[in-house]
C-alpha atoms as a PDB file:
ATOM      1  CA  MET A   1     213.293 180.264  80.443  1.00  0.00           C
ATOM      2  CA  ALA A   2     210.990 179.210  78.534  1.00  0.00           C
ATOM      3  CA  SER A   3     210.795 175.248  77.567  1.00  0.00           C
ATOM      4  CA  LEU A   4     211.828 174.456  73.993  1.00  0.00           C
ATOM      5  CA  ASN A   5     208.419 172.802  72.207  1.00  0.00           C
ATOM      6  CA  LEU A   6     208.909 169.981  70.309  1.00  0.00           C
ATOM      7  CA  LEU A   7     206.625 167.999  68.126  1.00  0.00           C
ATOM      8  CA  SER A   8     207.698 164.263  67.210  1.00  0.00           C
ATOM      9  CA  GLY A   9     206.397 160.866  66.120  1.00  0.00           C
ATOM     10  CA  GLY A  10     207.178 158.591  68.403  1.00  0.00           C
ATOM     11  CA  ALA A  11     209.751 156.702  67.110  1.00  0.00           C
ATOM     12  CA  ALA A  12     212.308 159.740  67.979  1.00  0.00           C
ATOM     13  CA  GLN A  13     210.779 159.822  71.991  1.00  0.00           C
ATOM     14  CA  GLY A  14     213.236 157.456  73.543  1.00  0.00           C
ATOM     15  CA  LEU A  15     216.201 159.262  71.681  1.00  0.00           C
ATOM     16  CA  VAL A  16     215.350 162.550  72.536  1.00  0.00           C
ATOM     17  CA  SER A  17     214.450 161.572  76.453  1.00  0.00           C
ATOM     18  CA  GLN A  18     217.990 160.377  76.565  1.00  0.00           C
ATOM     19  CA  LEU A  19     219.606 163.446  75.067  1.00  0.00           C
ATOM     20  CA  GLN A  20     217.239 165.496  77.206  1.00  0.00           C
ATOM     21  CA  GLY A  21     220.091 166.153  80.047  1.00  0.00           C
ATOM     22  CA  ASN A  22     222.672 166.991  77.745  1.00  0.00           C
ATOM     23  CA  PHE A  23     220.203 169.739  76.071  1.00  0.00           C
ATOM     24  CA  PHE A  24     219.550 171.319  79.248  1.00  0.00           C
ATOM     25  CA  SER A  25     223.489 171.505  80.269  1.00  0.00           C
ATOM     26  CA  GLU A  26     224.049 173.401  77.188  1.00  0.00           C
ATOM     27  CA  ALA A  27     221.021 175.333  76.473  1.00  0.00           C
ATOM     28  CA  GLY A  28     219.466 175.886  80.073  1.00  0.00           C
ATOM     29  CA  ARG A  29     215.874 174.892  78.774  1.00  0.00           C
ATOM     30  CA  ALA A  30     213.664 171.605  79.002  1.00  0.00           C
ATOM     31  CA  ILE A  31     212.330 169.922  76.455  1.00  0.00           C
ATOM     32  CA  GLU A  32     208.537 170.241  76.275  1.00  0.00           C
ATOM     33  CA  GLY A  33     207.542 167.042  74.070  1.00  0.00           C
ATOM     34  CA  THR A  34     204.395 166.027  72.428  1.00  0.00           C
ATOM     35  CA  TYR A  35     204.453 162.365  70.972  1.00  0.00           C
ATOM     36  CA  GLY A  36     202.047 160.603  68.610  1.00  0.00           C
ATOM     37  CA  ALA A  37     201.624 159.216  65.082  1.00  0.00           C
ATOM     38  CA  VAL A  38     203.128 161.801  62.433  1.00  0.00           C
ATOM     39  CA  GLY A  39     200.079 162.387  60.975  1.00  0.00           C
ATOM     40  CA  LEU A  40     198.697 163.770  63.754  1.00  0.00           C
ATOM     41  CA  MET A  41     201.896 165.686  64.744  1.00  0.00           C
ATOM     42  CA  ARG A  42     202.083 167.425  61.559  1.00  0.00           C
ATOM     43  CA  ASP A  43     198.398 168.076  61.902  1.00  0.00           C
ATOM     44  CA  GLN A  44     199.104 170.181  65.193  1.00  0.00           C
ATOM     45  CA  LEU A  45     201.615 171.746  63.405  1.00  0.00           C
ATOM     46  CA  LEU A  46     199.344 173.221  60.685  1.00  0.00           C
ATOM     47  CA  ALA A  47     196.753 173.831  63.629  1.00  0.00           C
ATOM     48  CA  GLY A  48     199.263 176.422  65.110  1.00  0.00           C
ATOM     49  CA  ALA A  49     200.291 174.464  67.951  1.00  0.00           C
ATOM     50  CA  PRO A  50     203.711 176.027  69.440  1.00  0.00           C
ATOM     51  CA  CYS A  51     206.531 174.370  67.902  1.00  0.00           C
ATOM     52  CA  ASP A  52     210.356 175.031  67.650  1.00  0.00           C
ATOM     53  CA  VAL A  53     211.376 171.154  66.817  1.00  0.00           C
ATOM     54  CA  ILE A  54     209.693 168.934  64.459  1.00  0.00           C
ATOM     55  CA  ILE A  55     210.617 165.358  63.750  1.00  0.00           C
ATOM     56  CA  LEU A  56     208.853 163.756  61.300  1.00  0.00           C
ATOM     57  CA  THR A  57     209.146 161.274  58.480  1.00  0.00           C
ATOM     58  CA  GLN A  58     211.397 162.556  55.583  1.00  0.00           C
ATOM     59  CA  ALA A  59     208.237 162.835  52.998  1.00  0.00           C
ATOM     60  CA  LEU A  60     206.579 164.667  55.373  1.00  0.00           C
ATOM     61  CA  ILE A  61     209.112 166.973  56.670  1.00  0.00           C
ATOM     62  CA  ASP A  62     209.883 167.811  52.772  1.00  0.00           C
ATOM     63  CA  GLU A  63     206.217 168.427  52.174  1.00  0.00           C
ATOM     64  CA  LEU A  64     205.746 171.157  55.061  1.00  0.00           C
ATOM     65  CA  THR A  65     209.446 172.881  54.179  1.00  0.00           C
ATOM     66  CA  ALA A  66     208.098 173.059  50.537  1.00  0.00           C
ATOM     67  CA  ALA A  67     204.733 175.125  52.046  1.00  0.00           C
ATOM     68  CA  GLY A  68     207.219 177.318  54.290  1.00  0.00           C
ATOM     69  CA  HIS A  69     205.962 175.587  57.744  1.00  0.00           C
ATOM     70  CA  VAL A  70     209.591 174.512  58.206  1.00  0.00           C
ATOM     71  CA  GLN A  71     212.863 176.492  57.864  1.00  0.00           C
ATOM     72  CA  SER A  72     214.309 175.812  54.728  1.00  0.00           C
ATOM     73  CA  GLY A  73     218.282 174.284  55.270  1.00  0.00           C
ATOM     74  CA  SER A  74     217.113 173.335  58.657  1.00  0.00           C
ATOM     75  CA  ALA A  75     216.572 169.672  58.627  1.00  0.00           C
ATOM     76  CA  ARG A  76     218.748 166.968  59.606  1.00  0.00           C
ATOM     77  CA  PRO A  77     218.191 163.307  59.199  1.00  0.00           C
ATOM     78  CA  LEU A  78     218.510 160.582  62.579  1.00  0.00           C
ATOM     79  CA  GLY A  79     218.238 157.792  60.667  1.00  0.00           C
ATOM     80  CA  ILE A  80     216.086 154.903  59.282  1.00  0.00           C
ATOM     81  CA  VAL A  81     213.787 153.209  61.478  1.00  0.00           C
ATOM     82  CA  LYS A  82     212.105 149.697  60.515  1.00  0.00           C
ATOM     83  CA  THR A  83     208.910 148.348  61.558  1.00  0.00           C
ATOM     84  CA  GLY A  84     209.031 145.022  63.611  1.00  0.00           C
ATOM     85  CA  VAL A  85     207.296 142.746  65.958  1.00  0.00           C
ATOM     86  CA  ALA A  86     207.154 142.082  69.527  1.00  0.00           C
ATOM     87  CA  VAL A  87     205.267 139.754  72.374  1.00  0.00           C
ATOM     88  CA  LYS A  88     205.604 140.800  76.045  1.00  0.00           C
ATOM     89  CA  THR A  89     208.934 139.791  77.867  1.00  0.00           C
ATOM     90  CA  GLY A  90     209.348 136.444  78.690  1.00  0.00           C
ATOM     91  CA  GLU A  91     206.996 134.805  76.727  1.00  0.00           C
ATOM     92  CA  ALA A  92     207.699 132.736  73.845  1.00  0.00           C
ATOM     93  CA  GLN A  93     208.986 134.701  70.416  1.00  0.00           C
ATOM     94  CA  PRO A  94     207.256 133.094  67.196  1.00  0.00           C
ATOM     95  CA  ARG A  95     208.984 133.040  64.193  1.00  0.00           C
ATOM     96  CA  VAL A  96     207.977 135.675  62.145  1.00  0.00           C
ATOM     97  CA  ASP A  97     210.974 136.588  60.075  1.00  0.00           C
ATOM     98  CA  THR A  98     208.744 135.004  56.213  1.00  0.00           C
ATOM     99  CA  PRO A  99     205.195 135.743  55.451  1.00  0.00           C
ATOM    100  CA  ASP A 100     203.983 132.520  56.381  1.00  0.00           C
ATOM    101  CA  ALA A 101     205.607 132.509  59.349  1.00  0.00           C
ATOM    102  CA  LEU A 102     204.060 136.163  60.413  1.00  0.00           C
ATOM    103  CA  LYS A 103     200.822 134.749  58.985  1.00  0.00           C
ATOM    104  CA  ALA A 104     200.728 132.346  61.729  1.00  0.00           C
ATOM    105  CA  ALA A 105     202.134 134.251  64.370  1.00  0.00           C
ATOM    106  CA  LEU A 106     199.593 136.514  64.178  1.00  0.00           C
ATOM    107  CA  LEU A 107     196.568 134.160  63.416  1.00  0.00           C
ATOM    108  CA  ALA A 108     197.798 132.314  67.293  1.00  0.00           C
ATOM    109  CA  ALA A 109     197.709 135.322  68.761  1.00  0.00           C
ATOM    110  CA  LYS A 110     195.298 136.810  71.617  1.00  0.00           C
ATOM    111  CA  GLY A 111     195.396 140.194  70.586  1.00  0.00           C
ATOM    112  CA  ILE A 112     197.403 142.130  68.136  1.00  0.00           C
ATOM    113  CA  TYR A 113     198.447 145.811  69.450  1.00  0.00           C
ATOM    114  CA  PHE A 114     199.517 148.545  66.343  1.00  0.00           C
ATOM    115  CA  PRO A 115     199.409 152.275  66.413  1.00  0.00           C
ATOM    116  CA  ASP A 116     196.732 154.129  64.697  1.00  0.00           C
ATOM    117  CA  PRO A 117     195.468 152.818  61.110  1.00  0.00           C
ATOM    118  CA  VAL A 118     195.036 156.574  60.053  1.00  0.00           C
ATOM    119  CA  LYS A 119     197.610 158.313  61.081  1.00  0.00           C
ATOM    120  CA  ALA A 120     200.428 156.785  61.962  1.00  0.00           C
ATOM    121  CA  THR A 121     203.258 155.456  59.632  1.00  0.00           C
ATOM    122  CA  ALA A 122     203.325 151.973  61.069  1.00  0.00           C
ATOM    123  CA  GLY A 123     199.722 151.453  61.254  1.00  0.00           C
ATOM    124  CA  ILE A 124     198.870 152.150  57.717  1.00  0.00           C
ATOM    125  CA  HIS A 125     201.358 150.006  56.724  1.00  0.00           C
ATOM    126  CA  PHE A 126     200.562 146.962  59.554  1.00  0.00           C
ATOM    127  CA  MET A 127     196.869 146.727  57.926  1.00  0.00           C
ATOM    128  CA  ASN A 128     198.570 146.597  54.526  1.00  0.00           C
ATOM    129  CA  VAL A 129     200.122 143.689  55.659  1.00  0.00           C
ATOM    130  CA  LEU A 130     196.933 142.133  57.130  1.00  0.00           C
ATOM    131  CA  LYS A 131     195.361 142.877  53.561  1.00  0.00           C
ATOM    132  CA  LYS A 132     198.218 141.208  51.624  1.00  0.00           C
ATOM    133  CA  LEU A 133     198.181 138.085  53.784  1.00  0.00           C
ATOM    134  CA  GLY A 134     194.259 137.682  53.922  1.00  0.00           C
ATOM    135  CA  ILE A 135     193.934 137.473  57.300  1.00  0.00           C
ATOM    136  CA  ASP A 136     192.661 141.025  57.750  1.00  0.00           C
ATOM    137  CA  ALA A 137     189.142 140.096  58.543  1.00  0.00           C
ATOM    138  CA  GLN A 138     189.767 137.004  60.479  1.00  0.00           C
ATOM    139  CA  VAL A 139     191.779 138.629  63.130  1.00  0.00           C
ATOM    140  CA  ALA A 140     189.568 141.868  63.012  1.00  0.00           C
ATOM    141  CA  PRO A 141     188.237 140.776  66.271  1.00  0.00           C
ATOM    142  CA  ARG A 142     191.696 140.654  67.800  1.00  0.00           C
ATOM    143  CA  LEU A 143     192.793 143.893  66.420  1.00  0.00           C
ATOM    144  CA  ARG A 144     193.652 146.800  69.168  1.00  0.00           C
ATOM    145  CA  PRO A 145     195.025 149.519  67.588  1.00  0.00           C
ATOM    146  CA  PHE A 146     196.194 152.572  70.013  1.00  0.00           C
ATOM    147  CA  PRO A 147     196.760 156.740  68.939  1.00  0.00           C
ATOM    148  CA  ASN A 148     200.942 155.579  68.457  1.00  0.00           C
ATOM    149  CA  GLY A 149     203.099 152.666  68.632  1.00  0.00           C
ATOM    150  CA  ALA A 150     204.674 153.434  72.443  1.00  0.00           C
ATOM    151  CA  THR A 151     201.194 153.695  73.854  1.00  0.00           C
ATOM    152  CA  ALA A 152     200.329 150.518  72.154  1.00  0.00           C
ATOM    153  CA  MET A 153     203.788 148.563  73.045  1.00  0.00           C
ATOM    154  CA  ARG A 154     202.776 149.922  76.927  1.00  0.00           C
ATOM    155  CA  GLU A 155     199.491 149.001  76.512  1.00  0.00           C
ATOM    156  CA  MET A 156     200.396 145.491  75.947  1.00  0.00           C
ATOM    157  CA  ALA A 157     203.281 145.299  78.365  1.00  0.00           C
ATOM    158  CA  GLN A 158     200.370 146.080  81.069  1.00  0.00           C
ATOM    159  CA  ALA A 159     197.957 143.759  79.678  1.00  0.00           C
ATOM    160  CA  LYS A 160     197.187 140.348  82.139  1.00  0.00           C
ATOM    161  CA  GLU A 161     196.725 138.507  79.167  1.00  0.00           C
ATOM    162  CA  THR A 162     199.530 136.064  77.517  1.00  0.00           C
ATOM    163  CA  GLY A 163     199.845 135.425  73.851  1.00  0.00           C
ATOM    164  CA  LEU A 164     199.427 138.914  72.490  1.00  0.00           C
ATOM    165  CA  ILE A 165     201.918 140.559  69.399  1.00  0.00           C
ATOM    166  CA  GLY A 166     202.114 143.582  68.984  1.00  0.00           C
ATOM    167  CA  CYS A 167     203.710 145.361  65.488  1.00  0.00           C
ATOM    168  CA  THR A 168     205.484 148.751  65.489  1.00  0.00           C
ATOM    169  CA  GLN A 169     208.393 150.811  64.293  1.00  0.00           C
ATOM    170  CA  VAL A 170     210.970 148.893  66.282  1.00  0.00           C
ATOM    171  CA  THR A 171     212.204 152.091  68.345  1.00  0.00           C
ATOM    172  CA  GLU A 172     209.213 151.961  70.164  1.00  0.00           C
ATOM    173  CA  ILE A 173     209.383 148.501  71.112  1.00  0.00           C
ATOM    174  CA  LEU A 174     212.989 149.035  72.458  1.00  0.00           C
ATOM    175  CA  TYR A 175     212.187 151.896  74.450  1.00  0.00           C
ATOM    176  CA  THR A 176     208.953 149.791  75.796  1.00  0.00           C
ATOM    177  CA  PRO A 177     209.614 148.351  79.152  1.00  0.00           C
ATOM    178  CA  GLY A 178     207.740 144.963  78.981  1.00  0.00           C
ATOM    179  CA  VAL A 179     208.108 143.804  75.752  1.00  0.00           C
ATOM    180  CA  GLN A 180     210.499 142.532  73.539  1.00  0.00           C
ATOM    181  CA  LEU A 181     211.688 142.604  69.515  1.00  0.00           C
ATOM    182  CA  VAL A 182     210.992 139.237  67.940  1.00  0.00           C
ATOM    183  CA  GLY A 183     212.285 140.580  64.733  1.00  0.00           C
ATOM    184  CA  VAL A 184     211.758 143.057  61.779  1.00  0.00           C
ATOM    185  CA  LEU A 185     209.108 142.709  59.287  1.00  0.00           C
ATOM    186  CA  PRO A 186     209.993 139.941  56.357  1.00  0.00           C
ATOM    187  CA  LYS A 187     211.406 141.193  53.298  1.00  0.00           C
ATOM    188  CA  GLU A 188     208.186 141.653  51.265  1.00  0.00           C
ATOM    189  CA  PHE A 189     206.744 143.801  54.191  1.00  0.00           C
ATOM    190  CA  GLU A 190     209.551 145.953  55.235  1.00  0.00           C
ATOM    191  CA  LEU A 191     208.685 149.385  55.957  1.00  0.00           C
ATOM    192  CA  ALA A 192     211.816 151.225  56.122  1.00  0.00           C
ATOM    193  CA  THR A 193     211.053 155.178  57.384  1.00  0.00           C
ATOM    194  CA  VAL A 194     213.686 157.763  57.513  1.00  0.00           C
ATOM    195  CA  TYR A 195     213.007 160.066  60.397  1.00  0.00           C
ATOM    196  CA  VAL A 196     213.985 164.388  59.979  1.00  0.00           C
ATOM    197  CA  ALA A 197     214.390 166.650  62.637  1.00  0.00           C
ATOM    198  CA  ALA A 198     213.796 170.112  61.634  1.00  0.00           C
ATOM    199  CA  VAL A 199     213.322 173.794  62.625  1.00  0.00           C
ATOM    200  CA  ALA A 200     210.005 174.803  62.598  1.00  0.00           C
ATOM    201  CA  ALA A 201     209.123 177.861  60.871  1.00  0.00           C
ATOM    202  CA  LYS A 202     207.464 179.870  63.494  1.00  0.00           C
ATOM    203  CA  ALA A 203     210.092 178.600  66.296  1.00  0.00           C
ATOM    204  CA  GLU A 204     210.323 180.917  69.315  1.00  0.00           C
ATOM    205  CA  GLN A 205     213.525 179.615  69.926  1.00  0.00           C
ATOM    206  CA  PRO A 206     215.519 178.751  66.413  1.00  0.00           C
ATOM    207  CA  GLN A 207     218.968 178.823  67.582  1.00  0.00           C
ATOM    208  CA  ALA A 208     217.765 176.488  71.084  1.00  0.00           C
ATOM    209  CA  ALA A 209     215.839 174.079  68.269  1.00  0.00           C
ATOM    210  CA  ARG A 210     219.188 173.964  66.087  1.00  0.00           C
ATOM    211  CA  LEU A 211     221.223 173.054  68.991  1.00  0.00           C
ATOM    212  CA  LEU A 212     218.687 170.368  69.583  1.00  0.00           C
ATOM    213  CA  ILE A 213     218.846 168.886  66.399  1.00  0.00           C
ATOM    214  CA  GLU A 214     222.715 169.119  65.926  1.00  0.00           C
ATOM    215  CA  LEU A 215     222.668 167.375  69.290  1.00  0.00           C
ATOM    216  CA  LEU A 216     220.348 164.624  68.293  1.00  0.00           C
ATOM    217  CA  ALA A 217     222.250 163.971  64.979  1.00  0.00           C
ATOM    218  CA  SER A 218     225.731 164.284  66.090  1.00  0.00           C
ATOM    219  CA  PRO A 219     227.912 161.424  65.107  1.00  0.00           C
ATOM    220  CA  ALA A 220     228.165 161.391  69.493  1.00  0.00           C
ATOM    221  CA  ALA A 221     224.681 160.281  69.652  1.00  0.00           C
ATOM    222  CA  ALA A 222     225.580 157.750  66.816  1.00  0.00           C
ATOM    223  CA  GLU A 223     225.413 154.877  69.558  1.00  0.00           C
ATOM    224  CA  LEU A 224     222.593 155.975  71.048  1.00  0.00           C
ATOM    225  CA  ARG A 225     220.745 156.462  67.916  1.00  0.00           C
ATOM    226  CA  ARG A 226     221.754 152.422  66.938  1.00  0.00           C
ATOM    227  CA  ASN A 227     220.804 150.967  70.261  1.00  0.00           C
ATOM    228  CA  GLY A 228     217.860 152.179  70.167  1.00  0.00           C
ATOM    229  CA  GLY A 229     216.771 151.298  66.349  1.00  0.00           C
ATOM    230  CA  PHE A 230     217.583 153.886  64.272  1.00  0.00           C
ATOM    231  CA  GLU A 231     219.850 152.633  61.400  1.00  0.00           C
END
């Protein structure tokens, strides 16, 4: 039986991976998931990539629904995801709870890992935070952007250096072995993004797509969502 095709922002990768066994038991299908920066996932959908379910920010799902690329009425919110700061597991955790503390932590870091500053929600936001802190030029040589937050965190975990710091969505930090969440960005720089799952307008398996969305958004999966960084 054909796999269900999923395009998703990286924030939902851990949640989907934990529920794919349940989905296979109920639908008899595997999930063929592609994960990345939300802007890139939107572009892939618009370019005609096979897609039954798409998980993006509320704003992008609304935009795609209005344009007829997502089935109207199929969208279900999965929760709010905040953007946080990470270090490698076992290393000292700097304070990041105020703008001054965050600034000091970033200036002290030997390398700064984060997602795509053009296509990824958290990456775009993080670059704006650096500008607001007035340190974007100062830390530029130490910036290490990657296509998405999950890749950025994985690369940071595998790096041989110490004294590294990362910034991406909390979900991507919590689901990556080898890194630990220090805290969310200070209130002044908070980024809280609502993620939504919906059925693509050209879905080849709309019934199975709706089943997956129900699993992801169900009360039974509430603890999984919370543990994975969805609020």
